[in-house]
Amino acid sequence: MIWTYVTPILLLCVSNVFMTFAWYGQLKFSTAPIALLIPVCWSIALLEYCFAVPANHLGARVYSGAQLKTMQEIITLVVFAIFSVTYLGEALRWNHAVAFLFLCGAAFFSFHKWA
């Protein structure tokens, strides 16, 4: 039953790709009118919801809400780091690595079974 645990993670990854493009993809189109950007971005966000809702719905069967949220934040950071380097052409710096390590620490505390 490994798919029970893996499917929500995969769906969250796909969801975050759409979310990142919906929120930040328009930054490359600085001269585009807002009246055009809003419906385009909302359309992409709708696709994001089509993956996020099932991810959380299925994920709640095997993960707690805190665990799902922690995973989502880590996935968001990884997806955004790749996006910012490849799509926006921005550099990653040491403080981004520190932020990622703190989120990994949050994941540890979220998933560890304490007495």
PDB file of N, CA and C in Angstrom:
ATOM      1  N   MET A   1       0.810  -1.204   0.000  1.00  0.00           N
ATOM      2  CA  MET A   1       0.000   0.000   0.000  1.00  0.00           C
ATOM      3  C   MET A   1       0.850   1.263   0.000  1.00  0.00           C
ATOM      4  N   ILE A   2       2.010   1.190  -0.611  1.00  0.00           N
ATOM      5  CA  ILE A   2       2.901   2.345  -0.678  1.00  0.00           C
ATOM      6  C   ILE A   2       2.260   3.505  -1.419  1.00  0.00           C
ATOM      7  N   TRP A   3       1.394   3.199  -2.405  1.00  0.00           N
ATOM      8  CA  TRP A   3       0.752   4.263  -3.187  1.00  0.00           C
ATOM      9  C   TRP A   3      -0.153   5.127  -2.323  1.00  0.00           C
ATOM     10  N   THR A   4      -0.660   4.570  -1.242  1.00  0.00           N
ATOM     11  CA  THR A   4      -1.491   5.348  -0.325  1.00  0.00           C
ATOM     12  C   THR A   4      -0.703   6.521   0.256  1.00  0.00           C
ATOM     13  N   TYR A   5       0.594   6.307   0.465  1.00  0.00           N
ATOM     14  CA  TYR A   5       1.456   7.346   1.022  1.00  0.00           C
ATOM     15  C   TYR A   5       2.081   8.229  -0.057  1.00  0.00           C
ATOM     16  N   VAL A   6       2.348   7.648  -1.228  1.00  0.00           N
ATOM     17  CA  VAL A   6       3.057   8.363  -2.282  1.00  0.00           C
ATOM     18  C   VAL A   6       2.127   9.244  -3.122  1.00  0.00           C
ATOM     19  N   THR A   7       0.909   8.772  -3.378  1.00  0.00           N
ATOM     20  CA  THR A   7      -0.017   9.508  -4.248  1.00  0.00           C
ATOM     21  C   THR A   7      -0.255  10.946  -3.782  1.00  0.00           C
ATOM     22  N   PRO A   8      -0.523  11.194  -2.491  1.00  0.00           N
ATOM     23  CA  PRO A   8      -0.712  12.592  -2.073  1.00  0.00           C
ATOM     24  C   PRO A   8       0.520  13.462  -2.320  1.00  0.00           C
ATOM     25  N   ILE A   9       1.691  12.888  -2.151  1.00  0.00           N
ATOM     26  CA  ILE A   9       2.932  13.650  -2.366  1.00  0.00           C
ATOM     27  C   ILE A   9       3.080  14.006  -3.842  1.00  0.00           C
ATOM     28  N   LEU A  10       2.824  13.042  -4.720  1.00  0.00           N
ATOM     29  CA  LEU A  10       2.913  13.308  -6.160  1.00  0.00           C
ATOM     30  C   LEU A  10       1.897  14.361  -6.593  1.00  0.00           C
ATOM     31  N   LEU A  11       0.672  14.245  -6.070  1.00  0.00           N
ATOM     32  CA  LEU A  11      -0.364  15.225  -6.405  1.00  0.00           C
ATOM     33  C   LEU A  11       0.006  16.620  -5.893  1.00  0.00           C
ATOM     34  N   LEU A  12       0.605  16.683  -4.706  1.00  0.00           N
ATOM     35  CA  LEU A  12       1.049  17.980  -4.183  1.00  0.00           C
ATOM     36  C   LEU A  12       2.159  18.570  -5.039  1.00  0.00           C
ATOM     37  N   CYS A  13       3.027  17.738  -5.573  1.00  0.00           N
ATOM     38  CA  CYS A  13       4.089  18.228  -6.458  1.00  0.00           C
ATOM     39  C   CYS A  13       3.501  18.841  -7.722  1.00  0.00           C
ATOM     40  N   VAL A  14       2.578  18.128  -8.352  1.00  0.00           N
ATOM     41  CA  VAL A  14       1.936  18.656  -9.571  1.00  0.00           C
ATOM     42  C   VAL A  14       1.167  19.933  -9.237  1.00  0.00           C
ATOM     43  N   SER A  15       0.440  19.907  -8.146  1.00  0.00           N
ATOM     44  CA  SER A  15      -0.321  21.076  -7.715  1.00  0.00           C
ATOM     45  C   SER A  15       0.579  22.292  -7.547  1.00  0.00           C
ATOM     46  N   ASN A  16       1.730  22.097  -6.947  1.00  0.00           N
ATOM     47  CA  ASN A  16       2.635  23.216  -6.700  1.00  0.00           C
ATOM     48  C   ASN A  16       3.263  23.772  -7.965  1.00  0.00           C
ATOM     49  N   VAL A  17       3.448  22.948  -8.972  1.00  0.00           N
ATOM     50  CA  VAL A  17       3.948  23.458 -10.249  1.00  0.00           C
ATOM     51  C   VAL A  17       2.914  24.425 -10.829  1.00  0.00           C
ATOM     52  N   PHE A  18       1.645  24.010 -10.842  1.00  0.00           N
ATOM     53  CA  PHE A  18       0.598  24.900 -11.349  1.00  0.00           C
ATOM     54  C   PHE A  18       0.468  26.154 -10.482  1.00  0.00           C
ATOM     55  N   MET A  19       0.537  25.984  -9.166  1.00  0.00           N
ATOM     56  CA  MET A  19       0.407  27.124  -8.262  1.00  0.00           C
ATOM     57  C   MET A  19       1.510  28.142  -8.512  1.00  0.00           C
ATOM     58  N   THR A  20       2.727  27.655  -8.682  1.00  0.00           N
ATOM     59  CA  THR A  20       3.854  28.559  -8.895  1.00  0.00           C
ATOM     60  C   THR A  20       3.687  29.339 -10.190  1.00  0.00           C
ATOM     61  N   PHE A  21       3.252  28.661 -11.254  1.00  0.00           N
ATOM     62  CA  PHE A  21       3.022  29.379 -12.507  1.00  0.00           C
ATOM     63  C   PHE A  21       1.833  30.335 -12.396  1.00  0.00           C
ATOM     64  N   ALA A  22       0.807  29.945 -11.661  1.00  0.00           N
ATOM     65  CA  ALA A  22      -0.353  30.828 -11.506  1.00  0.00           C
ATOM     66  C   ALA A  22       0.024  32.100 -10.762  1.00  0.00           C
ATOM     67  N   TRP A  23       0.843  31.979  -9.741  1.00  0.00           N
ATOM     68  CA  TRP A  23       1.183  33.136  -8.920  1.00  0.00           C
ATOM     69  C   TRP A  23       2.339  33.950  -9.476  1.00  0.00           C
ATOM     70  N   TYR A  24       3.356  33.270 -10.022  1.00  0.00           N
ATOM     71  CA  TYR A  24       4.588  33.963 -10.374  1.00  0.00           C
ATOM     72  C   TYR A  24       4.949  33.916 -11.855  1.00  0.00           C
ATOM     73  N   GLY A  25       4.288  33.097 -12.641  1.00  0.00           N
ATOM     74  CA  GLY A  25       4.587  33.001 -14.061  1.00  0.00           C
ATOM     75  C   GLY A  25       4.378  34.305 -14.795  1.00  0.00           C
ATOM     76  N   GLN A  26       3.423  35.089 -14.328  1.00  0.00           N
ATOM     77  CA  GLN A  26       3.108  36.356 -14.988  1.00  0.00           C
ATOM     78  C   GLN A  26       4.191  37.417 -14.791  1.00  0.00           C
ATOM     79  N   LEU A  27       5.165  37.168 -13.925  1.00  0.00           N
ATOM     80  CA  LEU A  27       6.223  38.157 -13.701  1.00  0.00           C
ATOM     81  C   LEU A  27       7.059  38.413 -14.953  1.00  0.00           C
ATOM     82  N   LYS A  28       7.075  37.459 -15.856  1.00  0.00           N
ATOM     83  CA  LYS A  28       7.807  37.644 -17.114  1.00  0.00           C
ATOM     84  C   LYS A  28       7.029  38.500 -18.111  1.00  0.00           C
ATOM     85  N   PHE A  29       5.789  38.818 -17.792  1.00  0.00           N
ATOM     86  CA  PHE A  29       4.936  39.587 -18.705  1.00  0.00           C
ATOM     87  C   PHE A  29       4.550  40.911 -18.051  1.00  0.00           C
ATOM     88  N   SER A  30       5.555  41.699 -17.763  1.00  0.00           N
ATOM     89  CA  SER A  30       5.334  42.940 -17.007  1.00  0.00           C
ATOM     90  C   SER A  30       4.501  43.963 -17.770  1.00  0.00           C
ATOM     91  N   THR A  31       4.416  43.858 -19.092  1.00  0.00           N
ATOM     92  CA  THR A  31       3.627  44.831 -19.857  1.00  0.00           C
ATOM     93  C   THR A  31       2.214  44.329 -20.164  1.00  0.00           C
ATOM     94  N   ALA A  32       1.918  43.090 -19.792  1.00  0.00           N
ATOM     95  CA  ALA A  32       0.576  42.543 -20.049  1.00  0.00           C
ATOM     96  C   ALA A  32      -0.441  43.245 -19.147  1.00  0.00           C
ATOM     97  N   PRO A  33      -1.625  43.496 -19.660  1.00  0.00           N
ATOM     98  CA  PRO A  33      -2.642  44.153 -18.828  1.00  0.00           C
ATOM     99  C   PRO A  33      -3.144  43.224 -17.718  1.00  0.00           C
ATOM    100  N   ILE A  34      -3.366  43.810 -16.567  1.00  0.00           N
ATOM    101  CA  ILE A  34      -3.865  43.057 -15.416  1.00  0.00           C
ATOM    102  C   ILE A  34      -5.177  42.358 -15.759  1.00  0.00           C
ATOM    103  N   ALA A  35      -6.013  43.014 -16.559  1.00  0.00           N
ATOM    104  CA  ALA A  35      -7.305  42.424 -16.938  1.00  0.00           C
ATOM    105  C   ALA A  35      -7.125  41.116 -17.706  1.00  0.00           C
ATOM    106  N   LEU A  36      -6.003  40.924 -18.333  1.00  0.00           N
ATOM    107  CA  LEU A  36      -5.702  39.658 -19.018  1.00  0.00           C
ATOM    108  C   LEU A  36      -5.020  38.674 -18.071  1.00  0.00           C
ATOM    109  N   LEU A  37      -4.112  39.191 -17.250  1.00  0.00           N
ATOM    110  CA  LEU A  37      -3.364  38.322 -16.343  1.00  0.00           C
ATOM    111  C   LEU A  37      -4.261  37.621 -15.322  1.00  0.00           C
ATOM    112  N   ILE A  38      -5.234  38.340 -14.801  1.00  0.00           N
ATOM    113  CA  ILE A  38      -6.079  37.757 -13.750  1.00  0.00           C
ATOM    114  C   ILE A  38      -6.829  36.518 -14.238  1.00  0.00           C
ATOM    115  N   PRO A  39      -7.561  36.568 -15.345  1.00  0.00           N
ATOM    116  CA  PRO A  39      -8.263  35.343 -15.764  1.00  0.00           C
ATOM    117  C   PRO A  39      -7.313  34.215 -16.187  1.00  0.00           C
ATOM    118  N   VAL A  40      -6.170  34.568 -16.781  1.00  0.00           N
ATOM    119  CA  VAL A  40      -5.209  33.522 -17.154  1.00  0.00           C
ATOM    120  C   VAL A  40      -4.659  32.847 -15.893  1.00  0.00           C
ATOM    121  N   CYS A  41      -4.264  33.650 -14.920  1.00  0.00           N
ATOM    122  CA  CYS A  41      -3.720  33.091 -13.676  1.00  0.00           C
ATOM    123  C   CYS A  41      -4.773  32.301 -12.902  1.00  0.00           C
ATOM    124  N   TRP A  42      -6.004  32.765 -12.890  1.00  0.00           N
ATOM    125  CA  TRP A  42      -7.074  32.027 -12.222  1.00  0.00           C
ATOM    126  C   TRP A  42      -7.328  30.685 -12.912  1.00  0.00           C
ATOM    127  N   SER A  43      -7.200  30.665 -14.225  1.00  0.00           N
ATOM    128  CA  SER A  43      -7.377  29.405 -14.957  1.00  0.00           C
ATOM    129  C   SER A  43      -6.300  28.397 -14.573  1.00  0.00           C
ATOM    130  N   ILE A  44      -5.077  28.877 -14.431  1.00  0.00           N
ATOM    131  CA  ILE A  44      -3.988  27.996 -14.002  1.00  0.00           C
ATOM    132  C   ILE A  44      -4.220  27.557 -12.559  1.00  0.00           C
ATOM    133  N   ALA A  45      -4.684  28.474 -11.730  1.00  0.00           N
ATOM    134  CA  ALA A  45      -4.959  28.145 -10.325  1.00  0.00           C
ATOM    135  C   ALA A  45      -6.064  27.092 -10.203  1.00  0.00           C
ATOM    136  N   LEU A  46      -7.023  27.113 -11.113  1.00  0.00           N
ATOM    137  CA  LEU A  46      -8.069  26.088 -11.099  1.00  0.00           C
ATOM    138  C   LEU A  46      -7.453  24.709 -11.298  1.00  0.00           C
ATOM    139  N   LEU A  47      -6.492  24.611 -12.211  1.00  0.00           N
ATOM    140  CA  LEU A  47      -5.794  23.341 -12.399  1.00  0.00           C
ATOM    141  C   LEU A  47      -5.056  22.936 -11.124  1.00  0.00           C
ATOM    142  N   GLU A  48      -4.475  23.918 -10.456  1.00  0.00           N
ATOM    143  CA  GLU A  48      -3.782  23.646  -9.188  1.00  0.00           C
ATOM    144  C   GLU A  48      -4.741  23.027  -8.185  1.00  0.00           C
ATOM    145  N   TYR A  49      -5.935  23.586  -8.071  1.00  0.00           N
ATOM    146  CA  TYR A  49      -6.921  23.057  -7.135  1.00  0.00           C
ATOM    147  C   TYR A  49      -7.358  21.645  -7.506  1.00  0.00           C
ATOM    148  N   CYS A  50      -7.378  21.339  -8.791  1.00  0.00           N
ATOM    149  CA  CYS A  50      -7.777  19.998  -9.243  1.00  0.00           C
ATOM    150  C   CYS A  50      -6.801  18.935  -8.771  1.00  0.00           C
ATOM    151  N   PHE A  51      -5.592  19.331  -8.414  1.00  0.00           N
ATOM    152  CA  PHE A  51      -4.612  18.388  -7.866  1.00  0.00           C
ATOM    153  C   PHE A  51      -4.477  18.530  -6.354  1.00  0.00           C
ATOM    154  N   ALA A  52      -4.599  19.746  -5.829  1.00  0.00           N
ATOM    155  CA  ALA A  52      -4.422  19.980  -4.398  1.00  0.00           C
ATOM    156  C   ALA A  52      -5.545  19.366  -3.573  1.00  0.00           C
ATOM    157  N   VAL A  53      -6.774  19.505  -4.046  1.00  0.00           N
ATOM    158  CA  VAL A  53      -7.911  18.977  -3.278  1.00  0.00           C
ATOM    159  C   VAL A  53      -7.822  17.460  -3.140  1.00  0.00           C
ATOM    160  N   PRO A  54      -7.615  16.710  -4.231  1.00  0.00           N
ATOM    161  CA  PRO A  54      -7.472  15.253  -4.057  1.00  0.00           C
ATOM    162  C   PRO A  54      -6.231  14.885  -3.247  1.00  0.00           C
ATOM    163  N   ALA A  55      -5.150  15.661  -3.382  1.00  0.00           N
ATOM    164  CA  ALA A  55      -3.945  15.374  -2.598  1.00  0.00           C
ATOM    165  C   ALA A  55      -4.238  15.429  -1.114  1.00  0.00           C
ATOM    166  N   ASN A  56      -4.935  16.467  -0.700  1.00  0.00           N
ATOM    167  CA  ASN A  56      -5.253  16.602   0.724  1.00  0.00           C
ATOM    168  C   ASN A  56      -6.350  15.638   1.163  1.00  0.00           C
ATOM    169  N   HIS A  57      -7.303  15.397   0.290  1.00  0.00           N
ATOM    170  CA  HIS A  57      -8.388  14.467   0.615  1.00  0.00           C
ATOM    171  C   HIS A  57      -7.839  13.052   0.818  1.00  0.00           C
ATOM    172  N   LEU A  58      -7.021  12.598  -0.119  1.00  0.00           N
ATOM    173  CA  LEU A  58      -6.416  11.273   0.003  1.00  0.00           C
ATOM    174  C   LEU A  58      -5.347  11.249   1.088  1.00  0.00           C
ATOM    175  N   GLY A  59      -4.591  12.325   1.176  1.00  0.00           N
ATOM    176  CA  GLY A  59      -3.515  12.394   2.162  1.00  0.00           C
ATOM    177  C   GLY A  59      -4.004  12.349   3.593  1.00  0.00           C
ATOM    178  N   ALA A  60      -5.197  12.882   3.841  1.00  0.00           N
ATOM    179  CA  ALA A  60      -5.744  12.891   5.202  1.00  0.00           C
ATOM    180  C   ALA A  60      -6.020  11.489   5.722  1.00  0.00           C
ATOM    181  N   ARG A  61      -6.038  10.507   4.826  1.00  0.00           N
ATOM    182  CA  ARG A  61      -6.245   9.113   5.249  1.00  0.00           C
ATOM    183  C   ARG A  61      -5.003   8.521   5.906  1.00  0.00           C
ATOM    184  N   VAL A  62      -3.831   9.081   5.580  1.00  0.00           N
ATOM    185  CA  VAL A  62      -2.589   8.512   6.115  1.00  0.00           C
ATOM    186  C   VAL A  62      -1.692   9.547   6.805  1.00  0.00           C
ATOM    187  N   TYR A  63      -1.972  10.830   6.611  1.00  0.00           N
ATOM    188  CA  TYR A  63      -1.174  11.894   7.226  1.00  0.00           C
ATOM    189  C   TYR A  63      -2.089  12.808   8.031  1.00  0.00           C
ATOM    190  N   SER A  64      -1.515  13.447   9.036  1.00  0.00           N
ATOM    191  CA  SER A  64      -2.277  14.447   9.782  1.00  0.00           C
ATOM    192  C   SER A  64      -2.302  15.740   8.967  1.00  0.00           C
ATOM    193  N   GLY A  65      -3.155  16.653   9.355  1.00  0.00           N
ATOM    194  CA  GLY A  65      -3.212  17.946   8.686  1.00  0.00           C
ATOM    195  C   GLY A  65      -1.880  18.681   8.770  1.00  0.00           C
ATOM    196  N   ALA A  66      -1.244  18.615   9.929  1.00  0.00           N
ATOM    197  CA  ALA A  66       0.056  19.273  10.104  1.00  0.00           C
ATOM    198  C   ALA A  66       1.110  18.647   9.196  1.00  0.00           C
ATOM    199  N   GLN A  67       1.073  17.335   9.053  1.00  0.00           N
ATOM    200  CA  GLN A  67       2.030  16.668   8.168  1.00  0.00           C
ATOM    201  C   GLN A  67       1.793  17.058   6.710  1.00  0.00           C
ATOM    202  N   LEU A  68       0.535  17.103   6.290  1.00  0.00           N
ATOM    203  CA  LEU A  68       0.228  17.505   4.916  1.00  0.00           C
ATOM    204  C   LEU A  68       0.700  18.927   4.647  1.00  0.00           C
ATOM    205  N   LYS A  69       0.447  19.825   5.583  1.00  0.00           N
ATOM    206  CA  LYS A  69       0.847  21.218   5.401  1.00  0.00           C
ATOM    207  C   LYS A  69       2.362  21.348   5.367  1.00  0.00           C
ATOM    208  N   THR A  70       3.048  20.622   6.209  1.00  0.00           N
ATOM    209  CA  THR A  70       4.511  20.668   6.225  1.00  0.00           C
ATOM    210  C   THR A  70       5.075  20.155   4.910  1.00  0.00           C
ATOM    211  N   MET A  71       4.529  19.035   4.408  1.00  0.00           N
ATOM    212  CA  MET A  71       4.966  18.520   3.109  1.00  0.00           C
ATOM    213  C   MET A  71       4.713  19.536   2.007  1.00  0.00           C
ATOM    214  N   GLN A  72       3.545  20.150   2.043  1.00  0.00           N
ATOM    215  CA  GLN A  72       3.185  21.126   1.014  1.00  0.00           C
ATOM    216  C   GLN A  72       4.169  22.286   1.019  1.00  0.00           C
ATOM    217  N   GLU A  73       4.574  22.746   2.177  1.00  0.00           N
ATOM    218  CA  GLU A  73       5.504  23.876   2.262  1.00  0.00           C
ATOM    219  C   GLU A  73       6.881  23.500   1.734  1.00  0.00           C
ATOM    220  N   ILE A  74       7.342  22.307   2.049  1.00  0.00           N
ATOM    221  CA  ILE A  74       8.642  21.865   1.551  1.00  0.00           C
ATOM    222  C   ILE A  74       8.595  21.700   0.035  1.00  0.00           C
ATOM    223  N   ILE A  75       7.533  21.085  -0.460  1.00  0.00           N
ATOM    224  CA  ILE A  75       7.379  20.918  -1.911  1.00  0.00           C
ATOM    225  C   ILE A  75       7.316  22.282  -2.583  1.00  0.00           C
ATOM    226  N   THR A  76       6.594  23.215  -1.998  1.00  0.00           N
ATOM    227  CA  THR A  76       6.495  24.566  -2.556  1.00  0.00           C
ATOM    228  C   THR A  76       7.867  25.212  -2.673  1.00  0.00           C
ATOM    229  N   LEU A  77       8.673  25.086  -1.640  1.00  0.00           N
ATOM    230  CA  LEU A  77       9.995  25.699  -1.660  1.00  0.00           C
ATOM    231  C   LEU A  77      10.881  25.063  -2.729  1.00  0.00           C
ATOM    232  N   VAL A  78      10.847  23.751  -2.848  1.00  0.00           N
ATOM    233  CA  VAL A  78      11.660  23.064  -3.859  1.00  0.00           C
ATOM    234  C   VAL A  78      11.198  23.463  -5.260  1.00  0.00           C
ATOM    235  N   VAL A  79       9.884  23.425  -5.491  1.00  0.00           N
ATOM    236  CA  VAL A  79       9.352  23.793  -6.807  1.00  0.00           C
ATOM    237  C   VAL A  79       9.692  25.246  -7.125  1.00  0.00           C
ATOM    238  N   PHE A  80       9.524  26.137  -6.158  1.00  0.00           N
ATOM    239  CA  PHE A  80       9.806  27.544  -6.414  1.00  0.00           C
ATOM    240  C   PHE A  80      11.293  27.783  -6.656  1.00  0.00           C
ATOM    241  N   ALA A  81      12.154  27.067  -5.953  1.00  0.00           N
ATOM    242  CA  ALA A  81      13.598  27.218  -6.169  1.00  0.00           C
ATOM    243  C   ALA A  81      13.953  26.841  -7.609  1.00  0.00           C
ATOM    244  N   ILE A  82      13.417  25.737  -8.079  1.00  0.00           N
ATOM    245  CA  ILE A  82      13.668  25.317  -9.462  1.00  0.00           C
ATOM    246  C   ILE A  82      13.083  26.335 -10.431  1.00  0.00           C
ATOM    247  N   PHE A  83      11.872  26.778 -10.164  1.00  0.00           N
ATOM    248  CA  PHE A  83      11.189  27.759 -11.011  1.00  0.00           C
ATOM    249  C   PHE A  83      11.962  29.077 -11.080  1.00  0.00           C
ATOM    250  N   SER A  84      12.408  29.565  -9.922  1.00  0.00           N
ATOM    251  CA  SER A  84      13.076  30.868  -9.909  1.00  0.00           C
ATOM    252  C   SER A  84      14.403  30.829 -10.653  1.00  0.00           C
ATOM    253  N   VAL A  85      15.089  29.686 -10.613  1.00  0.00           N
ATOM    254  CA  VAL A  85      16.359  29.575 -11.333  1.00  0.00           C
ATOM    255  C   VAL A  85      16.120  29.370 -12.829  1.00  0.00           C
ATOM    256  N   THR A  86      15.226  28.446 -13.175  1.00  0.00           N
ATOM    257  CA  THR A  86      15.059  28.088 -14.592  1.00  0.00           C
ATOM    258  C   THR A  86      14.157  29.050 -15.357  1.00  0.00           C
ATOM    259  N   TYR A  87      13.083  29.526 -14.738  1.00  0.00           N
ATOM    260  CA  TYR A  87      12.113  30.366 -15.449  1.00  0.00           C
ATOM    261  C   TYR A  87      12.386  31.858 -15.258  1.00  0.00           C
ATOM    262  N   LEU A  88      12.657  32.257 -14.026  1.00  0.00           N
ATOM    263  CA  LEU A  88      12.874  33.674 -13.748  1.00  0.00           C
ATOM    264  C   LEU A  88      14.336  34.083 -13.878  1.00  0.00           C
ATOM    265  N   GLY A  89      15.232  33.107 -13.917  1.00  0.00           N
ATOM    266  CA  GLY A  89      16.650  33.411 -14.055  1.00  0.00           C
ATOM    267  C   GLY A  89      17.271  34.025 -12.815  1.00  0.00           C
ATOM    268  N   GLU A  90      16.717  33.729 -11.657  1.00  0.00           N
ATOM    269  CA  GLU A  90      17.243  34.268 -10.405  1.00  0.00           C
ATOM    270  C   GLU A  90      18.202  33.265  -9.771  1.00  0.00           C
ATOM    271  N   ALA A  91      19.142  33.762  -8.996  1.00  0.00           N
ATOM    272  CA  ALA A  91      20.123  32.904  -8.339  1.00  0.00           C
ATOM    273  C   ALA A  91      19.629  32.489  -6.951  1.00  0.00           C
ATOM    274  N   LEU A  92      19.993  31.291  -6.556  1.00  0.00           N
ATOM    275  CA  LEU A  92      19.737  30.846  -5.187  1.00  0.00           C
ATOM    276  C   LEU A  92      20.923  31.264  -4.319  1.00  0.00           C
ATOM    277  N   ARG A  93      20.637  31.697  -3.110  1.00  0.00           N
ATOM    278  CA  ARG A  93      21.680  32.168  -2.203  1.00  0.00           C
ATOM    279  C   ARG A  93      21.683  31.333  -0.925  1.00  0.00           C
ATOM    280  N   TRP A  94      22.645  31.617  -0.079  1.00  0.00           N
ATOM    281  CA  TRP A  94      22.807  30.836   1.142  1.00  0.00           C
ATOM    282  C   TRP A  94      21.569  30.915   2.040  1.00  0.00           C
ATOM    283  N   ASN A  95      20.923  32.058   2.077  1.00  0.00           N
ATOM    284  CA  ASN A  95      19.759  32.202   2.950  1.00  0.00           C
ATOM    285  C   ASN A  95      18.591  31.333   2.472  1.00  0.00           C
ATOM    286  N   HIS A  96      18.528  31.054   1.177  1.00  0.00           N
ATOM    287  CA  HIS A  96      17.508  30.139   0.676  1.00  0.00           C
ATOM    288  C   HIS A  96      17.780  28.729   1.190  1.00  0.00           C
ATOM    289  N   ALA A  97      19.042  28.337   1.230  1.00  0.00           N
ATOM    290  CA  ALA A  97      19.415  27.022   1.762  1.00  0.00           C
ATOM    291  C   ALA A  97      19.070  26.918   3.245  1.00  0.00           C
ATOM    292  N   VAL A  98      19.314  27.991   3.983  1.00  0.00           N
ATOM    293  CA  VAL A  98      18.987  28.002   5.417  1.00  0.00           C
ATOM    294  C   VAL A  98      17.473  27.856   5.612  1.00  0.00           C
ATOM    295  N   ALA A  99      16.700  28.576   4.820  1.00  0.00           N
ATOM    296  CA  ALA A  99      15.239  28.470   4.910  1.00  0.00           C
ATOM    297  C   ALA A  99      14.787  27.045   4.635  1.00  0.00           C
ATOM    298  N   PHE A 100      15.379  26.407   3.621  1.00  0.00           N
ATOM    299  CA  PHE A 100      15.032  25.030   3.304  1.00  0.00           C
ATOM    300  C   PHE A 100      15.378  24.098   4.462  1.00  0.00           C
ATOM    301  N   LEU A 101      16.532  24.297   5.084  1.00  0.00           N
ATOM    302  CA  LEU A 101      16.911  23.460   6.228  1.00  0.00           C
ATOM    303  C   LEU A 101      15.937  23.624   7.389  1.00  0.00           C
ATOM    304  N   PHE A 102      15.470  24.843   7.632  1.00  0.00           N
ATOM    305  CA  PHE A 102      14.484  25.052   8.686  1.00  0.00           C
ATOM    306  C   PHE A 102      13.174  24.323   8.379  1.00  0.00           C
ATOM    307  N   LEU A 103      12.767  24.337   7.114  1.00  0.00           N
ATOM    308  CA  LEU A 103      11.556  23.603   6.742  1.00  0.00           C
ATOM    309  C   LEU A 103      11.751  22.097   6.890  1.00  0.00           C
ATOM    310  N   CYS A 104      12.938  21.617   6.582  1.00  0.00           N
ATOM    311  CA  CYS A 104      13.219  20.195   6.799  1.00  0.00           C
ATOM    312  C   CYS A 104      13.162  19.870   8.291  1.00  0.00           C
ATOM    313  N   GLY A 105      13.635  20.789   9.112  1.00  0.00           N
ATOM    314  CA  GLY A 105      13.504  20.611  10.563  1.00  0.00           C
ATOM    315  C   GLY A 105      12.045  20.561  10.980  1.00  0.00           C
ATOM    316  N   ALA A 106      11.218  21.409  10.380  1.00  0.00           N
ATOM    317  CA  ALA A 106       9.779  21.381  10.669  1.00  0.00           C
ATOM    318  C   ALA A 106       9.186  20.045  10.277  1.00  0.00           C
ATOM    319  N   ALA A 107       9.616  19.507   9.143  1.00  0.00           N
ATOM    320  CA  ALA A 107       9.123  18.197   8.710  1.00  0.00           C
ATOM    321  C   ALA A 107       9.522  17.123   9.718  1.00  0.00           C
ATOM    322  N   PHE A 108      10.750  17.182  10.208  1.00  0.00           N
ATOM    323  CA  PHE A 108      11.189  16.206  11.208  1.00  0.00           C
ATOM    324  C   PHE A 108      10.285  16.245  12.431  1.00  0.00           C
ATOM    325  N   PHE A 109      10.038  17.447  12.956  1.00  0.00           N
ATOM    326  CA  PHE A 109       9.206  17.564  14.149  1.00  0.00           C
ATOM    327  C   PHE A 109       7.755  17.194  13.870  1.00  0.00           C
ATOM    328  N   SER A 110       7.301  17.436  12.655  1.00  0.00           N
ATOM    329  CA  SER A 110       5.922  17.113  12.294  1.00  0.00           C
ATOM    330  C   SER A 110       5.707  15.617  12.171  1.00  0.00           C
ATOM    331  N   PHE A 111       6.689  14.897  11.660  1.00  0.00           N
ATOM    332  CA  PHE A 111       6.532  13.469  11.401  1.00  0.00           C
ATOM    333  C   PHE A 111       7.034  12.584  12.530  1.00  0.00           C
ATOM    334  N   HIS A 112       7.845  13.101  13.416  1.00  0.00           N
ATOM    335  CA  HIS A 112       8.386  12.293  14.518  1.00  0.00           C
ATOM    336  C   HIS A 112       7.303  12.017  15.555  1.00  0.00           C
ATOM    337  N   LYS A 113       7.217  10.799  15.972  1.00  0.00           N
ATOM    338  CA  LYS A 113       6.247  10.411  17.013  1.00  0.00           C
ATOM    339  C   LYS A 113       6.865  10.680  18.396  1.00  0.00           C
ATOM    340  N   TRP A 114       6.321  11.675  19.067  1.00  0.00           N
ATOM    341  CA  TRP A 114       6.820  12.019  20.398  1.00  0.00           C
ATOM    342  C   TRP A 114       5.976  11.307  21.451  1.00  0.00           C
ATOM    343  N   ALA A 115       6.598  10.967  22.538  1.00  0.00           N
ATOM    344  CA  ALA A 115       5.912  10.243  23.627  1.00  0.00           C
ATOM    345  C   ALA A 115       4.903  11.099  24.348  1.00  0.00           C
TER     346      ALA A 115
END
